[in-house]
Amino acid sequence: MMRKTRPIAKAAALIMKECLCQRVQKAGRAIGRRFDEELRPLGVNNWQLVLLFSLGQQESPTIHGLADQLGMDRTTLTKNLKPLERRGLVETRRDDADARIRRIVLTEAGYALLDDAVPRWQSANNAFASKLPAEELATVRAALEILAEAQGEKLGSKSG
């Protein structure tokens, strides 16, 4: 019995070939798995490490400011901070000037974990970075930044 090809098959093939979202997600999962394997002995995953490194480069950001920097909503950030708080890696404190504002602080235990994580991060990062020539890697990083920044813009509109 011959199976009839549905009209969507052509569109589906095109989407699977050209879809940026699918490609970024597929690469992100592969990269994330490698980082998670490398970080497992430290008891953190790649996303938690990015969050901790973000805290390590700035002094006591607000929940809102950190969420913006990471490109996520405050609710999701707060949810992701909870296990790090339970482990004593971060603390959430009220702002000295305005008690309505909460600030996130990396603790000494958090800084110690980051010290231990750097060589593991380098190993995982280099495993992927070494797959591309330096110029291509720079282009990929720049392209991903452009796409991430476009999140807040109206995509698809053409300006004259």
C-alpha atoms as a PDB file:
ATOM      1  CA  MET A   1       0.000   0.000   0.000  1.00  0.00           C
ATOM      2  CA  MET A   2       1.414   3.326  -1.092  1.00  0.00           C
ATOM      3  CA  ARG A   3       1.392   6.085   1.497  1.00  0.00           C
ATOM      4  CA  LYS A   4       0.213   9.452   0.292  1.00  0.00           C
ATOM      5  CA  THR A   5       2.556  12.352   1.044  1.00  0.00           C
ATOM      6  CA  ARG A   6       0.784  15.057   2.969  1.00  0.00           C
ATOM      7  CA  PRO A   7       1.236  18.677   1.886  1.00  0.00           C
ATOM      8  CA  ILE A   8       2.871  19.495   5.232  1.00  0.00           C
ATOM      9  CA  ALA A   9       5.779  17.140   4.504  1.00  0.00           C
ATOM     10  CA  LYS A  10       7.420  19.666   2.185  1.00  0.00           C
ATOM     11  CA  ALA A  11       7.064  22.468   4.721  1.00  0.00           C
ATOM     12  CA  ALA A  12       8.285  20.202   7.520  1.00  0.00           C
ATOM     13  CA  ALA A  13      11.392  19.261   5.528  1.00  0.00           C
ATOM     14  CA  LEU A  14      12.116  22.939   4.871  1.00  0.00           C
ATOM     15  CA  ILE A  15      11.635  23.834   8.520  1.00  0.00           C
ATOM     16  CA  MET A  16      13.900  21.010   9.708  1.00  0.00           C
ATOM     17  CA  LYS A  17      16.540  22.148   7.231  1.00  0.00           C
ATOM     18  CA  GLU A  18      16.377  25.900   7.929  1.00  0.00           C
ATOM     19  CA  CYS A  19      14.933  26.401  11.425  1.00  0.00           C
ATOM     20  CA  LEU A  20      17.318  28.452  13.567  1.00  0.00           C
ATOM     21  CA  CYS A  21      15.482  27.527  16.750  1.00  0.00           C
ATOM     22  CA  GLN A  22      15.859  23.789  16.147  1.00  0.00           C
ATOM     23  CA  ARG A  23      19.570  24.139  15.314  1.00  0.00           C
ATOM     24  CA  VAL A  24      20.338  26.333  18.308  1.00  0.00           C
ATOM     25  CA  GLN A  25      18.396  24.022  20.632  1.00  0.00           C
ATOM     26  CA  LYS A  26      20.112  20.914  19.257  1.00  0.00           C
ATOM     27  CA  ALA A  27      23.564  22.485  19.631  1.00  0.00           C
ATOM     28  CA  GLY A  28      22.603  23.873  23.042  1.00  0.00           C
ATOM     29  CA  ARG A  29      21.557  20.448  24.298  1.00  0.00           C
ATOM     30  CA  ALA A  30      24.806  18.854  23.079  1.00  0.00           C
ATOM     31  CA  ILE A  31      26.933  21.602  24.595  1.00  0.00           C
ATOM     32  CA  GLY A  32      24.893  21.648  27.805  1.00  0.00           C
ATOM     33  CA  ARG A  33      25.270  17.875  28.263  1.00  0.00           C
ATOM     34  CA  ARG A  34      29.052  18.151  28.001  1.00  0.00           C
ATOM     35  CA  PHE A  35      29.180  20.999  30.507  1.00  0.00           C
ATOM     36  CA  ASP A  36      26.828  19.139  32.866  1.00  0.00           C
ATOM     37  CA  GLU A  37      29.057  16.034  32.744  1.00  0.00           C
ATOM     38  CA  GLU A  38      32.122  18.136  33.519  1.00  0.00           C
ATOM     39  CA  LEU A  39      30.377  19.970  36.380  1.00  0.00           C
ATOM     40  CA  ARG A  40      28.596  16.980  37.944  1.00  0.00           C
ATOM     41  CA  PRO A  41      31.330  16.408  40.588  1.00  0.00           C
ATOM     42  CA  LEU A  42      30.717  19.970  41.823  1.00  0.00           C
ATOM     43  CA  GLY A  43      26.982  19.409  42.162  1.00  0.00           C
ATOM     44  CA  VAL A  44      25.934  22.157  39.741  1.00  0.00           C
ATOM     45  CA  ASN A  45      24.703  22.168  36.169  1.00  0.00           C
ATOM     46  CA  ASN A  46      25.743  24.466  33.339  1.00  0.00           C
ATOM     47  CA  TRP A  47      22.858  26.867  33.875  1.00  0.00           C
ATOM     48  CA  GLN A  48      23.602  27.221  37.591  1.00  0.00           C
ATOM     49  CA  LEU A  49      27.259  27.856  36.788  1.00  0.00           C
ATOM     50  CA  VAL A  50      26.373  30.621  34.320  1.00  0.00           C
ATOM     51  CA  LEU A  51      24.219  32.188  37.007  1.00  0.00           C
ATOM     52  CA  LEU A  52      27.068  31.986  39.549  1.00  0.00           C
ATOM     53  CA  PHE A  53      29.615  33.398  37.089  1.00  0.00           C
ATOM     54  CA  SER A  54      27.228  36.265  36.343  1.00  0.00           C
ATOM     55  CA  LEU A  55      27.093  37.035  40.054  1.00  0.00           C
ATOM     56  CA  GLY A  56      30.873  36.796  40.257  1.00  0.00           C
ATOM     57  CA  GLN A  57      31.372  39.604  37.753  1.00  0.00           C
ATOM     58  CA  GLN A  58      29.127  42.178  39.391  1.00  0.00           C
ATOM     59  CA  GLU A  59      28.459  43.321  42.905  1.00  0.00           C
ATOM     60  CA  SER A  60      25.060  42.462  44.364  1.00  0.00           C
ATOM     61  CA  PRO A  61      22.801  42.799  41.319  1.00  0.00           C
ATOM     62  CA  THR A  62      19.066  43.077  41.747  1.00  0.00           C
ATOM     63  CA  ILE A  63      16.839  40.159  40.768  1.00  0.00           C
ATOM     64  CA  HIS A  64      15.493  42.302  37.927  1.00  0.00           C
ATOM     65  CA  GLY A  65      18.957  43.333  36.707  1.00  0.00           C
ATOM     66  CA  LEU A  66      20.317  39.785  36.754  1.00  0.00           C
ATOM     67  CA  ALA A  67      17.229  38.453  34.986  1.00  0.00           C
ATOM     68  CA  ASP A  68      17.691  41.054  32.236  1.00  0.00           C
ATOM     69  CA  GLN A  69      21.382  40.224  31.897  1.00  0.00           C
ATOM     70  CA  LEU A  70      20.613  36.513  31.551  1.00  0.00           C
ATOM     71  CA  GLY A  71      17.647  37.041  29.230  1.00  0.00           C
ATOM     72  CA  MET A  72      15.064  35.431  31.475  1.00  0.00           C
ATOM     73  CA  ASP A  73      12.080  36.439  33.559  1.00  0.00           C
ATOM     74  CA  ARG A  74      12.364  37.134  37.287  1.00  0.00           C
ATOM     75  CA  THR A  75      10.155  34.205  38.289  1.00  0.00           C
ATOM     76  CA  THR A  76      12.372  31.703  36.476  1.00  0.00           C
ATOM     77  CA  LEU A  77      15.498  33.302  37.914  1.00  0.00           C
ATOM     78  CA  THR A  78      14.094  33.161  41.443  1.00  0.00           C
ATOM     79  CA  LYS A  79      13.237  29.474  40.935  1.00  0.00           C
ATOM     80  CA  ASN A  80      16.788  28.776  39.728  1.00  0.00           C
ATOM     81  CA  LEU A  81      18.315  30.642  42.676  1.00  0.00           C
ATOM     82  CA  LYS A  82      16.526  28.512  45.304  1.00  0.00           C
ATOM     83  CA  PRO A  83      18.802  25.418  45.113  1.00  0.00           C
ATOM     84  CA  LEU A  84      21.875  27.664  45.115  1.00  0.00           C
ATOM     85  CA  GLU A  85      20.571  29.442  48.222  1.00  0.00           C
ATOM     86  CA  ARG A  86      19.878  26.114  49.953  1.00  0.00           C
ATOM     87  CA  ARG A  87      23.499  25.097  49.315  1.00  0.00           C
ATOM     88  CA  GLY A  88      24.749  28.405  50.724  1.00  0.00           C
ATOM     89  CA  LEU A  89      26.292  29.511  47.406  1.00  0.00           C
ATOM     90  CA  VAL A  90      24.192  32.683  47.139  1.00  0.00           C
ATOM     91  CA  GLU A  91      22.119  34.844  49.448  1.00  0.00           C
ATOM     92  CA  THR A  92      19.227  37.140  48.691  1.00  0.00           C
ATOM     93  CA  ARG A  93      19.279  40.358  50.721  1.00  0.00           C
ATOM     94  CA  ARG A  94      17.127  43.443  50.945  1.00  0.00           C
ATOM     95  CA  ASP A  95      18.656  46.580  49.462  1.00  0.00           C
ATOM     96  CA  ASP A  96      20.003  48.963  52.120  1.00  0.00           C
ATOM     97  CA  ALA A  97      18.331  51.996  50.556  1.00  0.00           C
ATOM     98  CA  ASP A  98      15.050  50.407  49.417  1.00  0.00           C
ATOM     99  CA  ALA A  99      13.710  47.348  51.243  1.00  0.00           C
ATOM    100  CA  ARG A 100      11.431  46.494  48.294  1.00  0.00           C
ATOM    101  CA  ILE A 101      14.493  45.659  46.197  1.00  0.00           C
ATOM    102  CA  ARG A 102      16.175  42.279  46.593  1.00  0.00           C
ATOM    103  CA  ARG A 103      19.847  41.834  45.763  1.00  0.00           C
ATOM    104  CA  ILE A 104      21.680  38.579  45.120  1.00  0.00           C
ATOM    105  CA  VAL A 105      25.064  38.075  46.753  1.00  0.00           C
ATOM    106  CA  LEU A 106      27.611  35.381  45.963  1.00  0.00           C
ATOM    107  CA  THR A 107      28.832  33.856  49.239  1.00  0.00           C
ATOM    108  CA  GLU A 108      32.352  32.684  50.073  1.00  0.00           C
ATOM    109  CA  ALA A 109      31.185  29.130  49.341  1.00  0.00           C
ATOM    110  CA  GLY A 110      29.951  30.361  45.965  1.00  0.00           C
ATOM    111  CA  TYR A 111      33.316  31.959  45.175  1.00  0.00           C
ATOM    112  CA  ALA A 112      35.094  28.737  46.229  1.00  0.00           C
ATOM    113  CA  LEU A 113      32.882  26.685  43.924  1.00  0.00           C
ATOM    114  CA  LEU A 114      33.668  29.047  41.045  1.00  0.00           C
ATOM    115  CA  ASP A 115      37.382  28.619  41.694  1.00  0.00           C
ATOM    116  CA  ASP A 116      36.933  24.842  41.433  1.00  0.00           C
ATOM    117  CA  ALA A 117      34.698  25.189  38.372  1.00  0.00           C
ATOM    118  CA  VAL A 118      37.018  27.250  36.167  1.00  0.00           C
ATOM    119  CA  PRO A 119      39.241  24.362  34.962  1.00  0.00           C
ATOM    120  CA  ARG A 120      36.170  22.175  34.402  1.00  0.00           C
ATOM    121  CA  TRP A 121      34.471  24.976  32.481  1.00  0.00           C
ATOM    122  CA  GLN A 122      37.614  25.478  30.393  1.00  0.00           C
ATOM    123  CA  SER A 123      37.770  21.795  29.539  1.00  0.00           C
ATOM    124  CA  ALA A 124      34.139  21.670  28.396  1.00  0.00           C
ATOM    125  CA  ASN A 125      34.321  24.996  26.575  1.00  0.00           C
ATOM    126  CA  ASN A 126      37.535  24.066  24.768  1.00  0.00           C
ATOM    127  CA  ALA A 127      36.035  20.747  23.664  1.00  0.00           C
ATOM    128  CA  PHE A 128      33.574  22.688  21.507  1.00  0.00           C
ATOM    129  CA  ALA A 129      35.614  25.794  20.742  1.00  0.00           C
ATOM    130  CA  SER A 130      38.364  23.628  19.252  1.00  0.00           C
ATOM    131  CA  LYS A 131      35.934  22.297  16.631  1.00  0.00           C
ATOM    132  CA  LEU A 132      35.959  25.630  14.779  1.00  0.00           C
ATOM    133  CA  PRO A 133      38.735  27.886  13.503  1.00  0.00           C
ATOM    134  CA  ALA A 134      39.134  31.020  15.640  1.00  0.00           C
ATOM    135  CA  GLU A 135      37.534  33.306  13.025  1.00  0.00           C
ATOM    136  CA  GLU A 136      34.464  31.087  12.681  1.00  0.00           C
ATOM    137  CA  LEU A 137      34.144  30.778  16.435  1.00  0.00           C
ATOM    138  CA  ALA A 138      34.222  34.571  16.764  1.00  0.00           C
ATOM    139  CA  THR A 139      31.537  34.816  14.062  1.00  0.00           C
ATOM    140  CA  VAL A 140      29.336  32.251  15.841  1.00  0.00           C
ATOM    141  CA  ARG A 141      29.664  34.083  19.155  1.00  0.00           C
ATOM    142  CA  ALA A 142      28.864  37.432  17.529  1.00  0.00           C
ATOM    143  CA  ALA A 143      25.891  35.971  15.640  1.00  0.00           C
ATOM    144  CA  LEU A 144      24.464  34.432  18.816  1.00  0.00           C
ATOM    145  CA  GLU A 145      24.799  37.780  20.605  1.00  0.00           C
ATOM    146  CA  ILE A 146      22.964  39.539  17.768  1.00  0.00           C
ATOM    147  CA  LEU A 147      20.170  36.957  17.873  1.00  0.00           C
ATOM    148  CA  ALA A 148      19.913  37.192  21.666  1.00  0.00           C
ATOM    149  CA  GLU A 149      19.719  40.995  21.512  1.00  0.00           C
ATOM    150  CA  ALA A 150      17.012  40.765  18.838  1.00  0.00           C
ATOM    151  CA  GLN A 151      14.690  39.130  21.374  1.00  0.00           C
ATOM    152  CA  GLY A 152      13.321  42.503  22.444  1.00  0.00           C
ATOM    153  CA  GLU A 153      13.105  43.868  18.911  1.00  0.00           C
ATOM    154  CA  LYS A 154      10.300  43.391  16.454  1.00  0.00           C
ATOM    155  CA  LEU A 155      11.665  40.591  14.293  1.00  0.00           C
ATOM    156  CA  GLY A 156      10.748  40.420  10.641  1.00  0.00           C
ATOM    157  CA  SER A 157      10.138  44.101  10.163  1.00  0.00           C
ATOM    158  CA  LYS A 158      12.161  45.866   7.530  1.00  0.00           C
ATOM    159  CA  SER A 159      13.321  49.394   8.016  1.00  0.00           C
ATOM    160  CA  GLY A 160      13.915  51.578   4.974  1.00  0.00           C
END
